[in-house]
């Protein structure tokens, strides 16, 4: 056996390593090529599945969207889920600060009284009352005496003396000293008879269009002052009050659920937090003249919310006033929202 030189051994080892590397490369090519084919086939299959699933999902979504919509005979569409809102609507943004306005700030009780019972209103009542005093042939009144008379009426309401006979209030035995110190009982009764709030000579003409004609002028003046003194908060309420009255009145109403049953119905818009009255409107019954304003629940609410139009506030109403038409009208034309029961 011949001996191999060192050079021959090195050449053999180099050739063997080269062959081994070539075999390994062939094995690697076979291993890699197979997953590539598998991956391509998997992508093709998954793509078909995704396309088929997406078509089924679209069909299901369309069925869900149709099932969530309810169509009425009037053409209105109701949905069970609210729409997505990307930004707050103008109907939900209140830009005014809640509280007293600059015109509503006072320092004394007299100033507070004059904010609502303005000098213009007082002068109008004195003017109409003195005209009636001439017709009844009794002495007229002055500004000081008239304010004293109003003060006694407020005091009677505070002390619950309105149901007590006038003779007892001015009695030296059971009466109060404040009444006798202010004016005599005879003079108080005279002022009660001559007090007027409108021009009596034109009342019959105005009453053909408005049953509330005897009080309409003074009432409107006081109503216009209310929103100038206070800025309501975000939430307001429309409700009604029955002012108890059992005398003769063409628009006196009967409400069995109210404590007093009979009286004059006054509807009003108030601030839900402070209970401040923003606007009010009396119910004057139905007029025969065609030019009358409608007394429907929707029309009443739209007239009451006039001082807060386009302010982004919310209005809460009870079942009598609430309707879908009213909610849409307040949203679209007044920039207000509505909460109520149906």
C-alpha atoms as a PDB file:
ATOM      1  CA  UNK A   1       0.000   0.000   0.000  1.00  0.00           C
ATOM      2  CA  UNK A   2       1.523   3.193  -1.177  1.00  0.00           C
ATOM      3  CA  UNK A   3       1.751   6.132   1.052  1.00  0.00           C
ATOM      4  CA  UNK A   4      -0.087   9.332   0.045  1.00  0.00           C
ATOM      5  CA  UNK A   5       1.685  12.517   0.289  1.00  0.00           C
ATOM      6  CA  UNK A   6       0.416  15.413   2.300  1.00  0.00           C
ATOM      7  CA  UNK A   7      -0.602  17.307  -0.788  1.00  0.00           C
ATOM      8  CA  UNK A   8      -2.750  14.431  -2.053  1.00  0.00           C
ATOM      9  CA  UNK A   9      -4.558  14.126   1.298  1.00  0.00           C
ATOM     10  CA  UNK A  10      -5.376  17.820   1.313  1.00  0.00           C
ATOM     11  CA  UNK A  11      -6.795  17.640  -2.234  1.00  0.00           C
ATOM     12  CA  UNK A  12      -9.050  14.714  -1.312  1.00  0.00           C
ATOM     13  CA  UNK A  13     -10.425  16.459   1.769  1.00  0.00           C
ATOM     14  CA  UNK A  14     -11.177  19.592  -0.249  1.00  0.00           C
ATOM     15  CA  UNK A  15     -13.059  17.646  -2.925  1.00  0.00           C
ATOM     16  CA  UNK A  16     -15.179  15.829  -0.333  1.00  0.00           C
ATOM     17  CA  UNK A  17     -16.212  19.080   1.365  1.00  0.00           C
ATOM     18  CA  UNK A  18     -17.231  20.541  -2.001  1.00  0.00           C
ATOM     19  CA  UNK A  19     -19.443  17.529  -2.771  1.00  0.00           C
ATOM     20  CA  UNK A  20     -21.065  17.702   0.645  1.00  0.00           C
ATOM     21  CA  UNK A  21     -21.856  21.402   0.194  1.00  0.00           C
ATOM     22  CA  UNK A  22     -23.451  20.749  -3.187  1.00  0.00           C
ATOM     23  CA  UNK A  23     -25.649  18.033  -1.659  1.00  0.00           C
ATOM     24  CA  UNK A  24     -26.699  20.372   1.122  1.00  0.00           C
ATOM     25  CA  UNK A  25     -27.627  23.095  -1.386  1.00  0.00           C
ATOM     26  CA  UNK A  26     -29.784  20.652  -3.319  1.00  0.00           C
ATOM     27  CA  UNK A  27     -31.551  19.598  -0.115  1.00  0.00           C
ATOM     28  CA  UNK A  28     -32.138  23.219   0.838  1.00  0.00           C
ATOM     29  CA  UNK A  29     -33.608  23.981  -2.560  1.00  0.00           C
ATOM     30  CA  UNK A  30     -36.022  21.123  -2.213  1.00  0.00           C
ATOM     31  CA  UNK A  31     -37.099  22.178   1.328  1.00  0.00           C
ATOM     32  CA  UNK A  32     -37.637  25.834   0.394  1.00  0.00           C
ATOM     33  CA  UNK A  33     -39.440  25.239  -2.874  1.00  0.00           C
ATOM     34  CA  UNK A  34     -42.110  23.108  -1.273  1.00  0.00           C
ATOM     35  CA  UNK A  35     -43.305  25.751   1.306  1.00  0.00           C
ATOM     36  CA  UNK A  36     -43.393  28.371  -1.465  1.00  0.00           C
ATOM     37  CA  UNK A  37     -45.890  26.310  -3.405  1.00  0.00           C
ATOM     38  CA  UNK A  38     -47.873  25.668  -0.231  1.00  0.00           C
ATOM     39  CA  UNK A  39     -47.917  29.347   0.666  1.00  0.00           C
ATOM     40  CA  UNK A  40     -49.138  30.321  -2.765  1.00  0.00           C
ATOM     41  CA  UNK A  41     -51.955  27.804  -2.589  1.00  0.00           C
ATOM     42  CA  UNK A  42     -52.944  28.958   0.922  1.00  0.00           C
ATOM     43  CA  UNK A  43     -53.102  32.575  -0.197  1.00  0.00           C
ATOM     44  CA  UNK A  44     -55.288  31.648  -3.104  1.00  0.00           C
ATOM     45  CA  UNK A  45     -57.670  29.683  -0.877  1.00  0.00           C
ATOM     46  CA  UNK A  46     -57.798  32.377   1.846  1.00  0.00           C
ATOM     47  CA  UNK A  47     -58.494  35.039  -0.751  1.00  0.00           C
ATOM     48  CA  UNK A  48     -61.505  33.152  -2.031  1.00  0.00           C
ATOM     49  CA  UNK A  49     -62.755  32.646   1.523  1.00  0.00           C
ATOM     50  CA  UNK A  50     -62.369  36.357   2.367  1.00  0.00           C
ATOM     51  CA  UNK A  51     -64.267  37.389  -0.724  1.00  0.00           C
ATOM     52  CA  UNK A  52     -67.094  34.986   0.011  1.00  0.00           C
ATOM     53  CA  UNK A  53     -67.261  36.044   3.683  1.00  0.00           C
ATOM     54  CA  UNK A  54     -67.297  39.762   2.807  1.00  0.00           C
ATOM     55  CA  UNK A  55     -70.244  39.255   0.450  1.00  0.00           C
ATOM     56  CA  UNK A  56     -72.156  37.360   3.152  1.00  0.00           C
ATOM     57  CA  UNK A  57     -71.377  40.094   5.706  1.00  0.00           C
ATOM     58  CA  UNK A  58     -72.680  42.803   3.386  1.00  0.00           C
ATOM     59  CA  UNK A  59     -75.907  40.882   2.918  1.00  0.00           C
ATOM     60  CA  UNK A  60     -76.235  40.442   6.684  1.00  0.00           C
ATOM     61  CA  UNK A  61     -75.506  44.133   7.336  1.00  0.00           C
ATOM     62  CA  UNK A  62     -78.089  45.233   4.806  1.00  0.00           C
ATOM     63  CA  UNK A  63     -80.653  42.969   6.468  1.00  0.00           C
ATOM     64  CA  UNK A  64     -79.778  44.421   9.890  1.00  0.00           C
ATOM     65  CA  UNK A  65     -80.019  47.974   8.644  1.00  0.00           C
ATOM     66  CA  UNK A  66     -83.426  47.321   7.130  1.00  0.00           C
ATOM     67  CA  UNK A  67     -84.671  45.532  10.262  1.00  0.00           C
ATOM     68  CA  UNK A  68     -83.555  48.470  12.483  1.00  0.00           C
ATOM     69  CA  UNK A  69     -85.629  50.946  10.477  1.00  0.00           C
ATOM     70  CA  UNK A  70     -89.351  51.378  10.957  1.00  0.00           C
ATOM     71  CA  UNK A  71     -91.410  53.182   8.336  1.00  0.00           C
ATOM     72  CA  UNK A  72     -94.691  54.877   9.232  1.00  0.00           C
ATOM     73  CA  UNK A  73     -97.657  55.693   7.029  1.00  0.00           C
ATOM     74  CA  UNK A  74     -96.645  59.369   7.054  1.00  0.00           C
ATOM     75  CA  UNK A  75     -93.220  58.565   5.589  1.00  0.00           C
ATOM     76  CA  UNK A  76     -91.267  59.132   8.824  1.00  0.00           C
ATOM     77  CA  UNK A  77     -88.464  56.637   9.530  1.00  0.00           C
ATOM     78  CA  UNK A  78     -87.625  55.451  13.056  1.00  0.00           C
ATOM     79  CA  UNK A  79     -84.372  53.690  13.975  1.00  0.00           C
ATOM     80  CA  UNK A  80     -83.584  51.641  17.068  1.00  0.00           C
ATOM     81  CA  UNK A  81     -79.996  52.883  17.331  1.00  0.00           C
ATOM     82  CA  UNK A  82     -78.951  56.546  17.390  1.00  0.00           C
ATOM     83  CA  UNK A  83     -76.661  57.694  14.576  1.00  0.00           C
ATOM     84  CA  UNK A  84     -72.980  58.297  15.195  1.00  0.00           C
ATOM     85  CA  UNK A  85     -72.209  61.936  15.963  1.00  0.00           C
ATOM     86  CA  UNK A  86     -68.731  63.204  15.185  1.00  0.00           C
ATOM     87  CA  UNK A  87     -69.241  66.678  16.660  1.00  0.00           C
ATOM     88  CA  UNK A  88     -71.729  68.383  18.947  1.00  0.00           C
ATOM     89  CA  UNK A  89     -74.638  69.991  17.127  1.00  0.00           C
ATOM     90  CA  UNK A  90     -75.464  73.672  17.452  1.00  0.00           C
ATOM     91  CA  UNK A  91     -78.723  72.653  19.149  1.00  0.00           C
ATOM     92  CA  UNK A  92     -76.697  71.400  22.135  1.00  0.00           C
ATOM     93  CA  UNK A  93     -74.376  74.381  22.626  1.00  0.00           C
ATOM     94  CA  UNK A  94     -75.434  77.105  25.069  1.00  0.00           C
ATOM     95  CA  UNK A  95     -73.373  80.258  24.647  1.00  0.00           C
ATOM     96  CA  UNK A  96     -75.085  82.377  27.321  1.00  0.00           C
ATOM     97  CA  UNK A  97     -74.076  82.313  30.961  1.00  0.00           C
ATOM     98  CA  UNK A  98     -76.729  81.255  33.448  1.00  0.00           C
ATOM     99  CA  UNK A  99     -77.783  83.775  36.089  1.00  0.00           C
ATOM    100  CA  UNK A 100     -78.700  87.418  36.531  1.00  0.00           C
ATOM    101  CA  UNK A 101     -78.259  89.754  33.613  1.00  0.00           C
ATOM    102  CA  UNK A 102     -76.963  93.290  34.053  1.00  0.00           C
ATOM    103  CA  UNK A 103     -80.527  94.629  33.869  1.00  0.00           C
ATOM    104  CA  UNK A 104     -81.637  92.303  36.660  1.00  0.00           C
ATOM    105  CA  UNK A 105     -79.125  93.401  39.309  1.00  0.00           C
ATOM    106  CA  UNK A 106     -80.686  95.411  42.150  1.00  0.00           C
ATOM    107  CA  UNK A 107     -79.609  96.852  45.505  1.00  0.00           C
ATOM    108  CA  UNK A 108     -82.937  97.340  47.312  1.00  0.00           C
ATOM    109  CA  UNK A 109     -86.360  95.719  47.517  1.00  0.00           C
ATOM    110  CA  UNK A 110     -87.969  98.708  45.788  1.00  0.00           C
ATOM    111  CA  UNK A 111     -85.616  98.298  42.813  1.00  0.00           C
ATOM    112  CA  UNK A 112     -86.540  94.623  42.601  1.00  0.00           C
ATOM    113  CA  UNK A 113     -90.241  95.539  42.539  1.00  0.00           C
ATOM    114  CA  UNK A 114     -89.724  98.179  39.865  1.00  0.00           C
ATOM    115  CA  UNK A 115     -87.870  95.723  37.616  1.00  0.00           C
ATOM    116  CA  UNK A 116     -91.125  93.855  36.980  1.00  0.00           C
ATOM    117  CA  UNK A 117     -93.688  96.541  37.849  1.00  0.00           C
ATOM    118  CA  UNK A 118     -92.008  99.206  35.752  1.00  0.00           C
ATOM    119  CA  UNK A 119     -92.907 102.928  35.952  1.00  0.00           C
ATOM    120  CA  UNK A 120     -94.431 102.616  32.492  1.00  0.00           C
ATOM    121  CA  UNK A 121     -96.824  99.930  33.711  1.00  0.00           C
ATOM    122  CA  UNK A 122     -97.708 101.922  36.836  1.00  0.00           C
ATOM    123  CA  UNK A 123     -98.434 105.059  34.820  1.00  0.00           C
ATOM    124  CA  UNK A 124    -100.677 103.134  32.423  1.00  0.00           C
ATOM    125  CA  UNK A 125    -102.729 101.631  35.243  1.00  0.00           C
ATOM    126  CA  UNK A 126    -103.097 105.017  36.979  1.00  0.00           C
ATOM    127  CA  UNK A 127    -104.216 106.609  33.711  1.00  0.00           C
ATOM    128  CA  UNK A 128    -106.928 104.017  33.005  1.00  0.00           C
ATOM    129  CA  UNK A 129    -108.011 103.953  36.676  1.00  0.00           C
ATOM    130  CA  UNK A 130    -108.453 107.722  36.829  1.00  0.00           C
ATOM    131  CA  UNK A 131    -110.586 107.585  33.679  1.00  0.00           C
ATOM    132  CA  UNK A 132    -112.808 105.062  35.423  1.00  0.00           C
ATOM    133  CA  UNK A 133    -112.874 107.227  38.570  1.00  0.00           C
ATOM    134  CA  UNK A 134    -114.317 110.075  36.522  1.00  0.00           C
ATOM    135  CA  UNK A 135    -117.037 107.781  35.198  1.00  0.00           C
ATOM    136  CA  UNK A 136    -117.880 106.609  38.721  1.00  0.00           C
ATOM    137  CA  UNK A 137    -117.579 110.147  40.122  1.00  0.00           C
ATOM    138  CA  UNK A 138    -115.052 109.275  42.819  1.00  0.00           C
ATOM    139  CA  UNK A 139    -111.656 110.856  43.549  1.00  0.00           C
ATOM    140  CA  UNK A 140    -108.797 109.680  41.329  1.00  0.00           C
ATOM    141  CA  UNK A 141    -105.579 108.161  42.622  1.00  0.00           C
ATOM    142  CA  UNK A 142    -101.953 109.245  42.682  1.00  0.00           C
ATOM    143  CA  UNK A 143     -98.741 107.295  42.184  1.00  0.00           C
ATOM    144  CA  UNK A 144     -97.988 107.159  45.917  1.00  0.00           C
ATOM    145  CA  UNK A 145    -101.490 106.031  46.846  1.00  0.00           C
ATOM    146  CA  UNK A 146    -101.552 103.409  44.098  1.00  0.00           C
ATOM    147  CA  UNK A 147     -98.229 101.905  45.239  1.00  0.00           C
ATOM    148  CA  UNK A 148     -99.563 101.816  48.807  1.00  0.00           C
ATOM    149  CA  UNK A 149    -102.613  99.943  47.519  1.00  0.00           C
ATOM    150  CA  UNK A 150    -100.404  97.402  45.693  1.00  0.00           C
ATOM    151  CA  UNK A 151     -98.318  97.007  48.859  1.00  0.00           C
ATOM    152  CA  UNK A 152    -101.433  96.101  50.858  1.00  0.00           C
ATOM    153  CA  UNK A 153    -102.395  93.476  48.271  1.00  0.00           C
ATOM    154  CA  UNK A 154     -98.940  91.898  48.473  1.00  0.00           C
ATOM    155  CA  UNK A 155     -99.119  91.931  52.277  1.00  0.00           C
ATOM    156  CA  UNK A 156    -102.531  90.234  52.171  1.00  0.00           C
ATOM    157  CA  UNK A 157    -101.120  87.447  50.045  1.00  0.00           C
ATOM    158  CA  UNK A 158     -98.122  86.986  52.324  1.00  0.00           C
ATOM    159  CA  UNK A 159    -100.262  86.784  55.477  1.00  0.00           C
ATOM    160  CA  UNK A 160    -103.023  84.713  53.805  1.00  0.00           C
ATOM    161  CA  UNK A 161    -105.570  87.465  54.480  1.00  0.00           C
ATOM    162  CA  UNK A 162    -107.076  87.425  50.989  1.00  0.00           C
ATOM    163  CA  UNK A 163    -109.977  85.229  52.114  1.00  0.00           C
ATOM    164  CA  UNK A 164    -110.729  87.344  55.174  1.00  0.00           C
ATOM    165  CA  UNK A 165    -113.498  89.918  54.946  1.00  0.00           C
ATOM    166  CA  UNK A 166    -112.297  93.505  54.450  1.00  0.00           C
ATOM    167  CA  UNK A 167    -114.352  94.671  57.447  1.00  0.00           C
ATOM    168  CA  UNK A 168    -112.432  92.228  59.651  1.00  0.00           C
ATOM    169  CA  UNK A 169    -109.062  93.338  58.298  1.00  0.00           C
ATOM    170  CA  UNK A 170    -109.809  96.970  59.215  1.00  0.00           C
ATOM    171  CA  UNK A 171    -111.456  96.064  62.490  1.00  0.00           C
ATOM    172  CA  UNK A 172    -110.107  97.697  65.646  1.00  0.00           C
ATOM    173  CA  UNK A 173    -110.482  94.389  67.474  1.00  0.00           C
ATOM    174  CA  UNK A 174    -109.394  91.596  65.076  1.00  0.00           C
ATOM    175  CA  UNK A 175    -107.715  93.621  62.330  1.00  0.00           C
ATOM    176  CA  UNK A 176    -104.100  94.500  61.655  1.00  0.00           C
ATOM    177  CA  UNK A 177    -102.636  97.907  62.344  1.00  0.00           C
ATOM    178  CA  UNK A 178    -100.856  98.032  58.948  1.00  0.00           C
ATOM    179  CA  UNK A 179    -104.179  98.287  57.092  1.00  0.00           C
ATOM    180  CA  UNK A 180    -105.633 101.141  59.099  1.00  0.00           C
ATOM    181  CA  UNK A 181    -102.281 102.975  59.093  1.00  0.00           C
ATOM    182  CA  UNK A 182    -102.030 102.858  55.264  1.00  0.00           C
ATOM    183  CA  UNK A 183    -105.512 103.998  54.223  1.00  0.00           C
ATOM    184  CA  UNK A 184    -109.126 103.831  55.285  1.00  0.00           C
ATOM    185  CA  UNK A 185    -111.309 100.879  54.499  1.00  0.00           C
ATOM    186  CA  UNK A 186    -113.625 103.050  52.364  1.00  0.00           C
ATOM    187  CA  UNK A 187    -110.748 104.309  50.244  1.00  0.00           C
ATOM    188  CA  UNK A 188    -109.395 100.780  49.761  1.00  0.00           C
ATOM    189  CA  UNK A 189    -112.786  99.636  48.484  1.00  0.00           C
ATOM    190  CA  UNK A 190    -113.021 102.642  46.158  1.00  0.00           C
ATOM    191  CA  UNK A 191    -109.621 101.874  44.602  1.00  0.00           C
ATOM    192  CA  UNK A 192    -110.628  98.238  44.152  1.00  0.00           C
ATOM    193  CA  UNK A 193    -113.668  99.359  42.121  1.00  0.00           C
ATOM    194  CA  UNK A 194    -111.882 101.828  39.845  1.00  0.00           C
ATOM    195  CA  UNK A 195    -108.684  99.884  39.044  1.00  0.00           C
ATOM    196  CA  UNK A 196    -108.475  99.322  35.272  1.00  0.00           C
ATOM    197  CA  UNK A 197    -105.746  97.883  33.042  1.00  0.00           C
ATOM    198  CA  UNK A 198    -106.909  99.013  29.585  1.00  0.00           C
ATOM    199  CA  UNK A 199    -108.905 101.637  27.738  1.00  0.00           C
ATOM    200  CA  UNK A 200    -112.493 100.730  28.472  1.00  0.00           C
ATOM    201  CA  UNK A 201    -113.855 102.696  25.489  1.00  0.00           C
ATOM    202  CA  UNK A 202    -112.146 100.362  22.983  1.00  0.00           C
ATOM    203  CA  UNK A 203    -112.417  97.111  24.921  1.00  0.00           C
ATOM    204  CA  UNK A 204    -115.460  95.732  23.082  1.00  0.00           C
ATOM    205  CA  UNK A 205    -113.717  96.047  19.721  1.00  0.00           C
ATOM    206  CA  UNK A 206    -110.601  94.299  20.975  1.00  0.00           C
ATOM    207  CA  UNK A 207    -112.601  91.605  22.746  1.00  0.00           C
ATOM    208  CA  UNK A 208    -113.934  90.359  19.420  1.00  0.00           C
ATOM    209  CA  UNK A 209    -110.419  89.170  18.606  1.00  0.00           C
ATOM    210  CA  UNK A 210    -109.114  88.578  22.134  1.00  0.00           C
ATOM    211  CA  UNK A 211    -111.087  87.555  25.216  1.00  0.00           C
ATOM    212  CA  UNK A 212    -108.136  88.592  27.355  1.00  0.00           C
ATOM    213  CA  UNK A 213    -108.359  92.177  26.037  1.00  0.00           C
ATOM    214  CA  UNK A 214    -108.990  93.731  29.474  1.00  0.00           C
ATOM    215  CA  UNK A 215    -105.518  92.625  30.662  1.00  0.00           C
ATOM    216  CA  UNK A 216    -103.568  92.025  27.465  1.00  0.00           C
ATOM    217  CA  UNK A 217    -101.651  95.323  27.305  1.00  0.00           C
ATOM    218  CA  UNK A 218    -100.322  95.237  30.874  1.00  0.00           C
ATOM    219  CA  UNK A 219     -99.725  91.482  30.720  1.00  0.00           C
ATOM    220  CA  UNK A 220     -97.597  91.773  27.573  1.00  0.00           C
ATOM    221  CA  UNK A 221     -95.527  94.571  29.094  1.00  0.00           C
ATOM    222  CA  UNK A 222     -94.762  92.503  32.190  1.00  0.00           C
ATOM    223  CA  UNK A 223     -94.088  89.416  30.074  1.00  0.00           C
ATOM    224  CA  UNK A 224     -91.523  91.265  27.959  1.00  0.00           C
ATOM    225  CA  UNK A 225     -89.529  92.217  31.057  1.00  0.00           C
ATOM    226  CA  UNK A 226     -89.049  88.634  32.329  1.00  0.00           C
ATOM    227  CA  UNK A 227     -86.283  87.416  29.945  1.00  0.00           C
ATOM    228  CA  UNK A 228     -84.350  90.681  30.283  1.00  0.00           C
ATOM    229  CA  UNK A 229     -83.525  90.177  33.964  1.00  0.00           C
ATOM    230  CA  UNK A 230     -82.380  86.551  34.068  1.00  0.00           C
ATOM    231  CA  UNK A 231     -80.619  84.154  31.697  1.00  0.00           C
ATOM    232  CA  UNK A 232     -81.950  80.623  31.976  1.00  0.00           C
ATOM    233  CA  UNK A 233     -79.721  77.576  32.238  1.00  0.00           C
ATOM    234  CA  UNK A 234     -79.410  74.742  29.780  1.00  0.00           C
ATOM    235  CA  UNK A 235     -82.651  73.033  30.861  1.00  0.00           C
ATOM    236  CA  UNK A 236     -86.079  74.680  30.744  1.00  0.00           C
ATOM    237  CA  UNK A 237     -89.594  73.364  31.406  1.00  0.00           C
ATOM    238  CA  UNK A 238     -92.974  74.111  29.829  1.00  0.00           C
ATOM    239  CA  UNK A 239     -95.814  73.617  32.281  1.00  0.00           C
ATOM    240  CA  UNK A 240     -99.057  75.210  33.421  1.00  0.00           C
ATOM    241  CA  UNK A 241    -100.526  76.758  36.572  1.00  0.00           C
ATOM    242  CA  UNK A 242    -104.147  77.158  37.603  1.00  0.00           C
ATOM    243  CA  UNK A 243    -104.707  80.547  39.234  1.00  0.00           C
ATOM    244  CA  UNK A 244    -107.713  79.920  41.484  1.00  0.00           C
ATOM    245  CA  UNK A 245    -110.750  81.988  40.563  1.00  0.00           C
ATOM    246  CA  UNK A 246    -114.496  81.308  40.881  1.00  0.00           C
ATOM    247  CA  UNK A 247    -115.898  84.625  39.647  1.00  0.00           C
ATOM    248  CA  UNK A 248    -117.371  85.455  36.253  1.00  0.00           C
ATOM    249  CA  UNK A 249    -114.902  84.937  33.424  1.00  0.00           C
ATOM    250  CA  UNK A 250    -115.493  83.694  29.863  1.00  0.00           C
ATOM    251  CA  UNK A 251    -112.271  81.621  29.854  1.00  0.00           C
ATOM    252  CA  UNK A 252    -112.439  80.158  33.338  1.00  0.00           C
ATOM    253  CA  UNK A 253    -111.482  76.470  33.213  1.00  0.00           C
ATOM    254  CA  UNK A 254    -112.269  73.415  35.314  1.00  0.00           C
ATOM    255  CA  UNK A 255    -109.467  70.948  36.053  1.00  0.00           C
ATOM    256  CA  UNK A 256    -110.468  68.091  38.311  1.00  0.00           C
ATOM    257  CA  UNK A 257    -106.866  67.084  39.062  1.00  0.00           C
ATOM    258  CA  UNK A 258    -105.961  70.516  40.463  1.00  0.00           C
ATOM    259  CA  UNK A 259    -106.609  71.334  44.136  1.00  0.00           C
ATOM    260  CA  UNK A 260    -108.796  74.384  43.450  1.00  0.00           C
ATOM    261  CA  UNK A 261    -110.626  72.871  40.438  1.00  0.00           C
ATOM    262  CA  UNK A 262    -111.654  76.269  38.951  1.00  0.00           C
ATOM    263  CA  UNK A 263    -109.473  79.143  37.814  1.00  0.00           C
ATOM    264  CA  UNK A 264    -107.534  80.833  35.020  1.00  0.00           C
ATOM    265  CA  UNK A 265    -105.009  78.624  33.255  1.00  0.00           C
ATOM    266  CA  UNK A 266    -101.558  80.164  32.722  1.00  0.00           C
ATOM    267  CA  UNK A 267     -98.914  78.327  30.707  1.00  0.00           C
ATOM    268  CA  UNK A 268     -95.292  79.251  31.253  1.00  0.00           C
ATOM    269  CA  UNK A 269     -91.684  78.501  30.406  1.00  0.00           C
ATOM    270  CA  UNK A 270     -89.439  78.293  33.463  1.00  0.00           C
ATOM    271  CA  UNK A 271     -85.819  77.539  34.308  1.00  0.00           C
ATOM    272  CA  UNK A 272     -85.660  74.021  35.770  1.00  0.00           C
ATOM    273  CA  UNK A 273     -83.031  74.909  38.353  1.00  0.00           C
ATOM    274  CA  UNK A 274     -84.008  78.350  39.681  1.00  0.00           C
ATOM    275  CA  UNK A 275     -87.743  78.102  38.730  1.00  0.00           C
ATOM    276  CA  UNK A 276     -87.556  81.579  37.268  1.00  0.00           C
ATOM    277  CA  UNK A 277     -90.405  82.323  34.837  1.00  0.00           C
ATOM    278  CA  UNK A 278     -89.038  83.225  31.399  1.00  0.00           C
ATOM    279  CA  UNK A 279     -92.343  83.682  29.568  1.00  0.00           C
ATOM    280  CA  UNK A 280     -96.025  82.983  30.192  1.00  0.00           C
ATOM    281  CA  UNK A 281     -99.279  82.920  28.299  1.00  0.00           C
ATOM    282  CA  UNK A 282    -102.855  82.765  29.640  1.00  0.00           C
ATOM    283  CA  UNK A 283    -105.419  80.464  28.129  1.00  0.00           C
ATOM    284  CA  UNK A 284    -108.180  82.774  26.878  1.00  0.00           C
ATOM    285  CA  UNK A 285    -110.450  80.144  25.367  1.00  0.00           C
ATOM    286  CA  UNK A 286    -111.539  79.746  21.765  1.00  0.00           C
ATOM    287  CA  UNK A 287    -112.410  82.835  19.762  1.00  0.00           C
ATOM    288  CA  UNK A 288    -115.042  82.744  17.044  1.00  0.00           C
ATOM    289  CA  UNK A 289    -113.107  85.129  14.816  1.00  0.00           C
ATOM    290  CA  UNK A 290    -110.975  83.465  12.117  1.00  0.00           C
ATOM    291  CA  UNK A 291    -108.034  85.769  12.851  1.00  0.00           C
ATOM    292  CA  UNK A 292    -107.380  84.165  16.230  1.00  0.00           C
ATOM    293  CA  UNK A 293    -104.060  82.535  16.997  1.00  0.00           C
ATOM    294  CA  UNK A 294    -104.153  78.788  17.327  1.00  0.00           C
ATOM    295  CA  UNK A 295    -104.148  77.258  20.803  1.00  0.00           C
ATOM    296  CA  UNK A 296    -102.750  73.878  19.811  1.00  0.00           C
ATOM    297  CA  UNK A 297    -100.112  72.392  22.088  1.00  0.00           C
ATOM    298  CA  UNK A 298     -97.389  72.779  19.454  1.00  0.00           C
ATOM    299  CA  UNK A 299     -98.241  76.435  18.770  1.00  0.00           C
ATOM    300  CA  UNK A 300     -98.302  77.261  22.494  1.00  0.00           C
ATOM    301  CA  UNK A 301     -94.824  75.786  23.047  1.00  0.00           C
ATOM    302  CA  UNK A 302     -93.365  77.623  20.057  1.00  0.00           C
ATOM    303  CA  UNK A 303     -94.709  80.931  21.363  1.00  0.00           C
ATOM    304  CA  UNK A 304     -93.398  80.274  24.878  1.00  0.00           C
ATOM    305  CA  UNK A 305     -89.855  79.391  23.715  1.00  0.00           C
ATOM    306  CA  UNK A 306     -89.546  82.565  21.650  1.00  0.00           C
ATOM    307  CA  UNK A 307     -87.214  84.271  24.229  1.00  0.00           C
ATOM    308  CA  UNK A 308     -84.742  81.353  24.023  1.00  0.00           C
ATOM    309  CA  UNK A 309     -84.844  80.736  20.270  1.00  0.00           C
ATOM    310  CA  UNK A 310     -81.525  79.634  18.695  1.00  0.00           C
ATOM    311  CA  UNK A 311     -79.866  79.340  22.102  1.00  0.00           C
ATOM    312  CA  UNK A 312     -79.109  75.581  22.168  1.00  0.00           C
ATOM    313  CA  UNK A 313     -81.173  74.958  25.297  1.00  0.00           C
ATOM    314  CA  UNK A 314     -83.327  71.953  26.117  1.00  0.00           C
ATOM    315  CA  UNK A 315     -87.100  72.103  26.638  1.00  0.00           C
ATOM    316  CA  UNK A 316     -88.899  69.506  28.752  1.00  0.00           C
ATOM    317  CA  UNK A 317     -92.641  69.017  28.315  1.00  0.00           C
ATOM    318  CA  UNK A 318     -95.311  66.665  29.615  1.00  0.00           C
ATOM    319  CA  UNK A 319     -97.459  64.313  27.572  1.00  0.00           C
ATOM    320  CA  UNK A 320     -99.965  66.975  26.543  1.00  0.00           C
ATOM    321  CA  UNK A 321     -97.369  69.073  24.698  1.00  0.00           C
ATOM    322  CA  UNK A 322     -94.912  66.414  23.460  1.00  0.00           C
ATOM    323  CA  UNK A 323     -95.010  65.293  19.829  1.00  0.00           C
ATOM    324  CA  UNK A 324     -92.554  64.223  17.136  1.00  0.00           C
ATOM    325  CA  UNK A 325     -93.561  67.165  14.945  1.00  0.00           C
ATOM    326  CA  UNK A 326     -92.756  69.574  17.769  1.00  0.00           C
ATOM    327  CA  UNK A 327     -89.351  67.969  18.376  1.00  0.00           C
ATOM    328  CA  UNK A 328     -88.440  68.232  14.688  1.00  0.00           C
ATOM    329  CA  UNK A 329     -89.649  71.828  14.466  1.00  0.00           C
ATOM    330  CA  UNK A 330     -87.679  72.913  17.545  1.00  0.00           C
ATOM    331  CA  UNK A 331     -84.559  71.163  16.239  1.00  0.00           C
ATOM    332  CA  UNK A 332     -84.690  72.492  12.689  1.00  0.00           C
ATOM    333  CA  UNK A 333     -86.173  75.987  13.110  1.00  0.00           C
ATOM    334  CA  UNK A 334     -85.385  77.021  16.696  1.00  0.00           C
ATOM    335  CA  UNK A 335     -82.096  75.181  17.457  1.00  0.00           C
ATOM    336  CA  UNK A 336     -83.583  73.654  20.594  1.00  0.00           C
ATOM    337  CA  UNK A 337     -83.892  70.089  21.853  1.00  0.00           C
ATOM    338  CA  UNK A 338     -86.974  68.482  23.362  1.00  0.00           C
ATOM    339  CA  UNK A 339     -87.462  65.902  26.115  1.00  0.00           C
ATOM    340  CA  UNK A 340     -90.918  64.530  26.858  1.00  0.00           C
ATOM    341  CA  UNK A 341     -93.168  61.489  27.108  1.00  0.00           C
ATOM    342  CA  UNK A 342     -95.314  60.156  24.269  1.00  0.00           C
END
